[in-house]
N, C-alpha and C. Protein backbone atom coordinates (compact mmCIF):
# COMPACT_ATOMS: atom_id res chain seq x y z
N MET A 1 88.77 47.11 -2.60
CA MET A 1 87.57 47.83 -2.95
C MET A 1 87.91 48.78 -4.08
N SER A 2 87.04 48.93 -5.04
CA SER A 2 87.22 49.82 -6.17
C SER A 2 87.23 51.27 -5.69
N VAL A 3 88.02 52.08 -6.33
CA VAL A 3 88.08 53.49 -6.00
C VAL A 3 86.71 54.13 -6.21
N ALA A 4 85.90 53.57 -7.09
CA ALA A 4 84.57 54.11 -7.37
C ALA A 4 83.67 54.08 -6.14
N PHE A 5 83.96 53.19 -5.19
CA PHE A 5 83.11 53.06 -4.00
C PHE A 5 83.71 53.72 -2.76
N THR A 6 84.72 54.54 -2.97
CA THR A 6 85.32 55.25 -1.84
C THR A 6 84.95 56.71 -1.92
N LYS A 7 85.25 57.43 -0.87
CA LYS A 7 84.90 58.85 -0.90
C LYS A 7 85.70 59.55 -1.99
N GLU A 8 85.17 60.66 -2.48
CA GLU A 8 85.74 61.34 -3.63
C GLU A 8 87.21 61.70 -3.43
N GLU A 9 87.59 62.12 -2.24
CA GLU A 9 88.97 62.49 -2.00
C GLU A 9 89.90 61.31 -2.26
N SER A 10 89.48 60.10 -1.92
CA SER A 10 90.32 58.93 -2.15
C SER A 10 90.52 58.66 -3.64
N ALA A 11 89.48 58.85 -4.43
CA ALA A 11 89.60 58.67 -5.88
C ALA A 11 90.56 59.70 -6.46
N GLU A 12 90.44 60.91 -5.99
CA GLU A 12 91.33 61.97 -6.46
C GLU A 12 92.77 61.67 -6.05
N THR A 13 92.97 61.25 -4.82
CA THR A 13 94.29 60.94 -4.31
C THR A 13 94.89 59.75 -5.05
N ALA A 14 94.09 58.74 -5.31
CA ALA A 14 94.58 57.57 -6.02
C ALA A 14 95.09 57.94 -7.41
N SER A 15 94.37 58.82 -8.10
CA SER A 15 94.82 59.21 -9.44
C SER A 15 96.10 60.04 -9.36
N GLU A 16 96.27 60.81 -8.29
CA GLU A 16 97.48 61.60 -8.11
C GLU A 16 98.69 60.73 -7.81
N THR A 17 98.46 59.59 -7.19
CA THR A 17 99.58 58.76 -6.76
C THR A 17 100.00 57.73 -7.80
N LEU A 18 99.29 57.62 -8.88
CA LEU A 18 99.67 56.68 -9.95
C LEU A 18 100.55 57.43 -10.95
N LEU A 19 101.72 57.84 -10.48
CA LEU A 19 102.63 58.60 -11.33
C LEU A 19 103.34 57.69 -12.31
N PRO A 20 103.45 58.13 -13.55
CA PRO A 20 104.20 57.32 -14.52
C PRO A 20 105.68 57.34 -14.16
N ASP A 21 106.39 56.28 -14.53
CA ASP A 21 107.83 56.23 -14.27
C ASP A 21 108.52 57.34 -15.05
N ARG A 22 109.62 57.82 -14.50
CA ARG A 22 110.45 58.78 -15.20
C ARG A 22 111.09 58.05 -16.38
N PRO A 23 111.13 58.69 -17.55
CA PRO A 23 111.70 58.01 -18.72
C PRO A 23 113.19 57.73 -18.54
N ILE A 24 113.60 56.57 -19.00
CA ILE A 24 115.01 56.16 -18.97
C ILE A 24 115.59 56.40 -20.36
N SER A 25 116.70 57.07 -20.40
CA SER A 25 117.35 57.40 -21.67
C SER A 25 117.80 56.14 -22.40
N PRO A 26 117.73 56.14 -23.73
CA PRO A 26 118.23 54.99 -24.49
C PRO A 26 119.75 55.00 -24.62
N HIS A 27 120.41 56.10 -24.24
CA HIS A 27 121.86 56.23 -24.36
C HIS A 27 122.57 55.50 -23.22
N PRO A 28 123.82 55.13 -23.43
CA PRO A 28 124.58 54.52 -22.32
C PRO A 28 124.57 55.48 -21.13
N ASN A 29 124.53 54.93 -19.94
CA ASN A 29 124.45 55.73 -18.72
C ASN A 29 125.85 56.04 -18.20
N LEU A 30 126.56 56.90 -18.93
CA LEU A 30 127.90 57.30 -18.53
C LEU A 30 127.79 58.36 -17.45
N VAL A 31 128.62 58.24 -16.41
CA VAL A 31 128.63 59.22 -15.32
C VAL A 31 130.06 59.47 -14.86
N THR A 32 130.27 60.64 -14.28
CA THR A 32 131.55 60.92 -13.64
C THR A 32 131.49 60.33 -12.24
N GLU A 33 132.62 60.29 -11.57
CA GLU A 33 132.66 59.81 -10.18
C GLU A 33 131.73 60.66 -9.31
N ALA A 34 131.80 61.99 -9.50
CA ALA A 34 130.94 62.90 -8.73
C ALA A 34 129.47 62.67 -9.08
N GLY A 35 129.19 62.40 -10.34
CA GLY A 35 127.81 62.14 -10.76
C GLY A 35 127.26 60.87 -10.13
N PHE A 36 128.10 59.85 -10.01
CA PHE A 36 127.68 58.60 -9.37
C PHE A 36 127.34 58.85 -7.90
N LYS A 37 128.20 59.60 -7.23
CA LYS A 37 127.95 59.92 -5.82
C LYS A 37 126.68 60.76 -5.66
N ALA A 38 126.45 61.66 -6.61
CA ALA A 38 125.23 62.49 -6.56
C ALA A 38 123.98 61.62 -6.73
N LEU A 39 124.03 60.62 -7.62
CA LEU A 39 122.90 59.70 -7.79
C LEU A 39 122.65 58.93 -6.50
N GLN A 40 123.72 58.49 -5.85
CA GLN A 40 123.58 57.76 -4.58
C GLN A 40 122.92 58.65 -3.53
N ALA A 41 123.34 59.92 -3.47
CA ALA A 41 122.77 60.85 -2.49
C ALA A 41 121.30 61.12 -2.79
N GLN A 42 120.97 61.27 -4.07
CA GLN A 42 119.57 61.50 -4.45
C GLN A 42 118.70 60.30 -4.09
N LEU A 43 119.23 59.09 -4.28
CA LEU A 43 118.49 57.89 -3.92
C LEU A 43 118.27 57.84 -2.41
N ALA A 44 119.28 58.17 -1.64
CA ALA A 44 119.14 58.19 -0.18
C ALA A 44 118.08 59.22 0.24
N ASP A 45 118.07 60.38 -0.42
CA ASP A 45 117.07 61.41 -0.12
C ASP A 45 115.66 60.92 -0.46
N ALA A 46 115.53 60.26 -1.62
CA ALA A 46 114.22 59.75 -2.02
C ALA A 46 113.72 58.68 -1.04
N ARG A 47 114.62 57.81 -0.62
CA ARG A 47 114.23 56.78 0.36
C ARG A 47 113.83 57.40 1.69
N ALA A 48 114.56 58.43 2.12
CA ALA A 48 114.24 59.11 3.38
C ALA A 48 112.88 59.80 3.29
N ALA A 49 112.61 60.43 2.15
CA ALA A 49 111.31 61.10 1.97
C ALA A 49 110.18 60.08 1.96
N TYR A 50 110.42 58.92 1.34
CA TYR A 50 109.41 57.86 1.32
C TYR A 50 109.16 57.34 2.74
N GLU A 51 110.22 57.11 3.48
CA GLU A 51 110.08 56.62 4.87
C GLU A 51 109.33 57.65 5.73
N ALA A 52 109.63 58.91 5.53
CA ALA A 52 108.93 59.96 6.28
C ALA A 52 107.44 59.96 5.93
N ALA A 53 107.13 59.75 4.67
CA ALA A 53 105.73 59.72 4.25
C ALA A 53 104.99 58.52 4.85
N GLN A 54 105.69 57.43 5.07
CA GLN A 54 105.05 56.24 5.63
C GLN A 54 104.62 56.45 7.07
N ALA A 55 105.16 57.44 7.73
CA ALA A 55 104.79 57.73 9.12
C ALA A 55 103.50 58.55 9.22
N ILE A 56 103.00 59.03 8.09
CA ILE A 56 101.78 59.83 8.08
C ILE A 56 100.58 58.91 8.30
N GLU A 57 99.71 59.28 9.21
CA GLU A 57 98.56 58.42 9.55
C GLU A 57 97.45 58.48 8.51
N ASP A 58 97.15 59.66 7.99
CA ASP A 58 96.08 59.80 7.01
C ASP A 58 96.48 59.08 5.72
N VAL A 59 95.71 58.08 5.32
CA VAL A 59 96.07 57.25 4.18
C VAL A 59 96.16 58.05 2.88
N ASN A 60 95.27 59.01 2.70
CA ASN A 60 95.30 59.82 1.48
C ASN A 60 96.55 60.69 1.42
N GLU A 61 96.89 61.30 2.53
CA GLU A 61 98.08 62.14 2.58
C GLU A 61 99.34 61.29 2.45
N LYS A 62 99.30 60.09 3.03
CA LYS A 62 100.44 59.17 2.91
C LYS A 62 100.68 58.83 1.44
N ARG A 63 99.61 58.57 0.70
CA ARG A 63 99.73 58.28 -0.74
C ARG A 63 100.32 59.46 -1.48
N ARG A 64 99.80 60.65 -1.20
CA ARG A 64 100.29 61.85 -1.87
C ARG A 64 101.77 62.07 -1.61
N GLN A 65 102.15 61.96 -0.36
CA GLN A 65 103.54 62.24 0.02
C GLN A 65 104.50 61.14 -0.41
N SER A 66 104.01 59.93 -0.66
CA SER A 66 104.85 58.80 -1.06
C SER A 66 105.08 58.72 -2.56
N ALA A 67 104.19 59.28 -3.34
CA ALA A 67 104.20 59.08 -4.79
C ALA A 67 105.50 59.50 -5.46
N VAL A 68 105.91 60.72 -5.25
CA VAL A 68 107.11 61.22 -5.92
C VAL A 68 108.37 60.52 -5.44
N PRO A 69 108.59 60.38 -4.11
CA PRO A 69 109.81 59.68 -3.69
C PRO A 69 109.87 58.23 -4.16
N LEU A 70 108.74 57.57 -4.23
CA LEU A 70 108.72 56.18 -4.70
C LEU A 70 109.10 56.11 -6.17
N ARG A 71 108.52 57.00 -6.97
CA ARG A 71 108.86 57.04 -8.39
C ARG A 71 110.33 57.38 -8.58
N ASP A 72 110.83 58.38 -7.84
CA ASP A 72 112.23 58.77 -7.96
C ASP A 72 113.16 57.65 -7.52
N ALA A 73 112.80 56.93 -6.48
CA ALA A 73 113.64 55.81 -6.02
C ALA A 73 113.75 54.73 -7.09
N ARG A 74 112.63 54.44 -7.77
CA ARG A 74 112.68 53.44 -8.86
C ARG A 74 113.63 53.92 -9.96
N TYR A 75 113.50 55.17 -10.35
CA TYR A 75 114.34 55.74 -11.41
C TYR A 75 115.81 55.71 -11.00
N LEU A 76 116.11 56.22 -9.82
CA LEU A 76 117.50 56.32 -9.38
C LEU A 76 118.14 54.95 -9.17
N THR A 77 117.38 53.98 -8.70
CA THR A 77 117.89 52.63 -8.54
C THR A 77 118.31 52.07 -9.90
N GLU A 78 117.50 52.29 -10.91
CA GLU A 78 117.82 51.82 -12.26
C GLU A 78 119.04 52.56 -12.82
N ARG A 79 119.12 53.87 -12.60
CA ARG A 79 120.24 54.64 -13.11
C ARG A 79 121.55 54.22 -12.43
N LEU A 80 121.49 53.92 -11.15
CA LEU A 80 122.69 53.45 -10.46
C LEU A 80 123.09 52.05 -10.93
N ARG A 81 122.08 51.22 -11.18
CA ARG A 81 122.35 49.86 -11.64
C ARG A 81 123.06 49.86 -13.00
N THR A 82 122.71 50.80 -13.86
CA THR A 82 123.26 50.83 -15.22
C THR A 82 124.40 51.83 -15.39
N ALA A 83 124.76 52.52 -14.31
CA ALA A 83 125.81 53.55 -14.40
C ALA A 83 127.16 52.96 -14.80
N GLN A 84 127.82 53.65 -15.69
CA GLN A 84 129.18 53.31 -16.10
C GLN A 84 130.06 54.49 -15.71
N VAL A 85 130.76 54.34 -14.58
CA VAL A 85 131.61 55.44 -14.10
C VAL A 85 132.82 55.56 -15.03
N MET A 86 132.96 56.74 -15.60
CA MET A 86 134.03 56.98 -16.56
C MET A 86 135.20 57.66 -15.85
N PRO A 87 136.42 57.25 -16.17
CA PRO A 87 137.59 57.90 -15.57
C PRO A 87 137.74 59.32 -16.12
N SER A 88 138.46 60.14 -15.39
CA SER A 88 138.75 61.49 -15.88
C SER A 88 139.57 61.36 -17.17
N PRO A 89 139.43 62.32 -18.08
CA PRO A 89 140.19 62.23 -19.33
C PRO A 89 141.69 62.13 -19.06
N ALA A 90 142.36 61.27 -19.80
CA ALA A 90 143.79 61.06 -19.62
C ALA A 90 144.60 62.20 -20.22
N SER A 91 143.99 62.94 -21.12
CA SER A 91 144.72 63.98 -21.84
C SER A 91 143.81 65.19 -22.09
N THR A 92 144.43 66.32 -22.30
CA THR A 92 143.66 67.52 -22.67
C THR A 92 143.90 67.86 -24.14
N ASP A 93 144.40 66.89 -24.90
CA ASP A 93 144.65 67.13 -26.33
C ASP A 93 143.35 67.19 -27.13
N VAL A 94 142.40 66.33 -26.77
CA VAL A 94 141.11 66.32 -27.46
C VAL A 94 139.98 66.30 -26.44
N VAL A 95 138.82 66.76 -26.85
CA VAL A 95 137.64 66.79 -25.98
C VAL A 95 137.13 65.36 -25.77
N ALA A 96 136.90 65.01 -24.51
CA ALA A 96 136.40 63.69 -24.15
C ALA A 96 135.38 63.83 -23.04
N PHE A 97 134.71 62.73 -22.71
CA PHE A 97 133.78 62.74 -21.59
C PHE A 97 134.54 63.18 -20.34
N GLY A 98 134.00 64.16 -19.63
CA GLY A 98 134.64 64.68 -18.43
C GLY A 98 135.50 65.92 -18.68
N SER A 99 135.77 66.24 -19.95
CA SER A 99 136.56 67.43 -20.27
C SER A 99 135.78 68.71 -19.97
N THR A 100 136.53 69.76 -19.64
CA THR A 100 135.96 71.09 -19.54
C THR A 100 136.45 71.84 -20.76
N VAL A 101 135.50 72.33 -21.56
CA VAL A 101 135.83 72.93 -22.85
C VAL A 101 135.38 74.39 -22.86
N THR A 102 136.28 75.25 -23.30
CA THR A 102 135.94 76.66 -23.51
C THR A 102 135.93 76.89 -25.01
N PHE A 103 134.87 77.50 -25.49
CA PHE A 103 134.75 77.76 -26.92
C PHE A 103 134.11 79.13 -27.15
N SER A 104 134.34 79.65 -28.34
CA SER A 104 133.73 80.94 -28.70
C SER A 104 132.71 80.69 -29.80
N ARG A 105 131.64 81.45 -29.73
CA ARG A 105 130.59 81.36 -30.74
C ARG A 105 130.79 82.48 -31.76
N ALA A 106 130.13 82.35 -32.89
CA ALA A 106 130.25 83.35 -33.95
C ALA A 106 129.78 84.73 -33.49
N ASP A 107 128.86 84.77 -32.54
CA ASP A 107 128.35 86.05 -32.06
C ASP A 107 129.25 86.69 -31.00
N GLY A 108 130.41 86.07 -30.73
CA GLY A 108 131.37 86.63 -29.79
C GLY A 108 131.29 86.09 -28.37
N ARG A 109 130.23 85.35 -28.05
CA ARG A 109 130.13 84.78 -26.70
C ARG A 109 131.18 83.71 -26.50
N VAL A 110 131.76 83.70 -25.30
CA VAL A 110 132.70 82.65 -24.92
C VAL A 110 132.03 81.86 -23.80
N GLN A 111 131.97 80.55 -23.97
CA GLN A 111 131.30 79.69 -22.99
C GLN A 111 132.22 78.55 -22.59
N THR A 112 132.05 78.12 -21.33
CA THR A 112 132.81 77.00 -20.80
C THR A 112 131.84 75.99 -20.20
N TYR A 113 131.98 74.73 -20.63
CA TYR A 113 131.13 73.66 -20.13
C TYR A 113 131.97 72.41 -19.86
N ARG A 114 131.56 71.67 -18.86
CA ARG A 114 132.13 70.35 -18.61
C ARG A 114 131.17 69.33 -19.21
N ILE A 115 131.69 68.35 -19.90
CA ILE A 115 130.87 67.33 -20.55
C ILE A 115 130.70 66.16 -19.57
N VAL A 116 129.44 65.91 -19.20
CA VAL A 116 129.12 64.94 -18.15
C VAL A 116 127.96 64.05 -18.57
N GLY A 117 127.51 63.18 -17.67
CA GLY A 117 126.38 62.30 -17.92
C GLY A 117 125.06 63.05 -17.94
N GLU A 118 124.05 62.39 -18.46
CA GLU A 118 122.73 63.03 -18.61
C GLU A 118 122.12 63.46 -17.28
N ASP A 119 122.25 62.64 -16.25
CA ASP A 119 121.62 62.96 -14.97
C ASP A 119 122.35 64.07 -14.22
N GLU A 120 123.59 64.33 -14.56
CA GLU A 120 124.34 65.36 -13.85
C GLU A 120 124.47 66.66 -14.63
N ALA A 121 123.97 66.70 -15.84
CA ALA A 121 124.07 67.90 -16.68
C ALA A 121 123.22 69.03 -16.09
N ASP A 122 123.81 70.21 -16.07
CA ASP A 122 123.13 71.41 -15.60
C ASP A 122 123.78 72.61 -16.31
N PRO A 123 123.28 72.98 -17.48
CA PRO A 123 123.92 74.05 -18.25
C PRO A 123 124.11 75.36 -17.47
N LYS A 124 123.16 75.69 -16.61
CA LYS A 124 123.31 76.93 -15.83
C LYS A 124 124.49 76.85 -14.88
N ALA A 125 124.85 75.64 -14.46
CA ALA A 125 125.98 75.44 -13.55
C ALA A 125 127.27 75.09 -14.31
N GLY A 126 127.21 75.10 -15.65
CA GLY A 126 128.42 74.87 -16.44
C GLY A 126 128.69 73.44 -16.85
N SER A 127 127.65 72.61 -16.92
CA SER A 127 127.86 71.23 -17.38
C SER A 127 126.77 70.86 -18.38
N ILE A 128 127.18 70.14 -19.42
CA ILE A 128 126.24 69.68 -20.45
C ILE A 128 126.38 68.18 -20.63
N SER A 129 125.30 67.57 -21.06
CA SER A 129 125.27 66.13 -21.29
C SER A 129 126.10 65.76 -22.52
N PHE A 130 126.76 64.62 -22.43
CA PHE A 130 127.56 64.13 -23.55
C PHE A 130 126.73 63.83 -24.79
N VAL A 131 125.40 63.72 -24.64
CA VAL A 131 124.55 63.45 -25.80
C VAL A 131 123.93 64.72 -26.37
N SER A 132 124.24 65.88 -25.77
CA SER A 132 123.71 67.14 -26.31
C SER A 132 124.38 67.42 -27.65
N PRO A 133 123.70 68.14 -28.53
CA PRO A 133 124.29 68.43 -29.85
C PRO A 133 125.64 69.14 -29.76
N VAL A 134 125.78 70.08 -28.85
CA VAL A 134 127.05 70.80 -28.72
C VAL A 134 128.15 69.83 -28.28
N ALA A 135 127.90 69.04 -27.26
CA ALA A 135 128.91 68.10 -26.77
C ALA A 135 129.29 67.09 -27.85
N ARG A 136 128.30 66.58 -28.56
CA ARG A 136 128.60 65.59 -29.61
C ARG A 136 129.48 66.19 -30.69
N SER A 137 129.26 67.47 -31.03
CA SER A 137 130.09 68.09 -32.06
C SER A 137 131.50 68.39 -31.56
N LEU A 138 131.67 68.55 -30.24
CA LEU A 138 132.98 68.86 -29.68
C LEU A 138 133.84 67.62 -29.42
N MET A 139 133.21 66.49 -29.14
CA MET A 139 133.93 65.26 -28.76
C MET A 139 134.95 64.87 -29.84
N GLY A 140 136.16 64.58 -29.39
CA GLY A 140 137.22 64.14 -30.31
C GLY A 140 137.93 65.28 -31.02
N ARG A 141 137.54 66.50 -30.76
CA ARG A 141 138.14 67.66 -31.43
C ARG A 141 139.21 68.28 -30.54
N ALA A 142 140.07 69.12 -31.15
CA ALA A 142 141.19 69.72 -30.44
C ALA A 142 141.08 71.24 -30.41
N VAL A 143 141.94 71.87 -29.62
CA VAL A 143 141.98 73.33 -29.55
C VAL A 143 142.24 73.89 -30.95
N GLY A 144 141.47 74.91 -31.30
CA GLY A 144 141.60 75.54 -32.62
C GLY A 144 140.61 75.00 -33.64
N ASP A 145 140.04 73.83 -33.38
CA ASP A 145 139.05 73.28 -34.31
C ASP A 145 137.79 74.13 -34.31
N VAL A 146 137.19 74.28 -35.47
CA VAL A 146 135.91 74.96 -35.62
C VAL A 146 134.90 73.88 -36.00
N VAL A 147 133.85 73.78 -35.21
CA VAL A 147 132.86 72.73 -35.44
C VAL A 147 131.46 73.32 -35.48
N GLY A 148 130.58 72.64 -36.17
CA GLY A 148 129.17 73.04 -36.20
C GLY A 148 128.51 72.61 -34.92
N ALA A 149 127.81 73.54 -34.28
CA ALA A 149 127.07 73.24 -33.05
C ALA A 149 125.67 73.80 -33.22
N GLY A 150 124.76 72.94 -33.63
CA GLY A 150 123.41 73.42 -33.91
C GLY A 150 123.43 74.23 -35.19
N ALA A 151 122.87 75.43 -35.13
CA ALA A 151 122.77 76.28 -36.32
C ALA A 151 123.99 77.16 -36.53
N GLN A 152 124.98 77.06 -35.62
CA GLN A 152 126.14 77.92 -35.75
C GLN A 152 127.43 77.15 -35.52
N GLU A 153 128.55 77.83 -35.75
CA GLU A 153 129.85 77.21 -35.54
C GLU A 153 130.47 77.74 -34.25
N VAL A 154 131.30 76.89 -33.64
CA VAL A 154 132.05 77.30 -32.45
C VAL A 154 133.51 76.93 -32.65
N GLU A 155 134.41 77.72 -32.04
CA GLU A 155 135.84 77.44 -32.11
C GLU A 155 136.30 77.06 -30.70
N ILE A 156 136.99 75.92 -30.60
CA ILE A 156 137.49 75.45 -29.32
C ILE A 156 138.70 76.27 -28.92
N LEU A 157 138.61 76.92 -27.75
CA LEU A 157 139.70 77.77 -27.27
C LEU A 157 140.61 77.03 -26.29
N SER A 158 140.03 76.19 -25.42
CA SER A 158 140.86 75.43 -24.48
C SER A 158 140.13 74.19 -24.01
N ILE A 159 140.92 73.22 -23.57
CA ILE A 159 140.39 71.95 -23.04
C ILE A 159 141.10 71.70 -21.71
N ALA A 160 140.33 71.45 -20.68
CA ALA A 160 140.93 71.15 -19.38
C ALA A 160 140.38 69.85 -18.85
């Protein structure tokens, strides 16, 4: 039956539950071992939330509660399917995927970030995506190198 012939709440609920897919990055899906495990845990959480929503009797509420976990499960399944687990860097001589880099900015700030995959990046927690402008400028560089990062330069102080 067309949504046009159902009660208004159903039409509203149907439009809420037609969530667009989360965008998939065009970059290679590089992840750390911890990032891969985090994706697996997020997928398990999304599936559990979807299963919990399926137990709801009210069809409109079931749709509402199922929409986000279903969309997230599709996204996470694809990200896990395409994940390329990268080994820890073999050396601390140059910045690589998985390195923890400490650098100083021209304004005197000293920052430390671990370079990780897009899905695991969290700048507030000290990790940035390998495709971020700062990470791209640091990759392949060594301690003491000064590189352009956005509108300013940074000097690499240490690599771990």
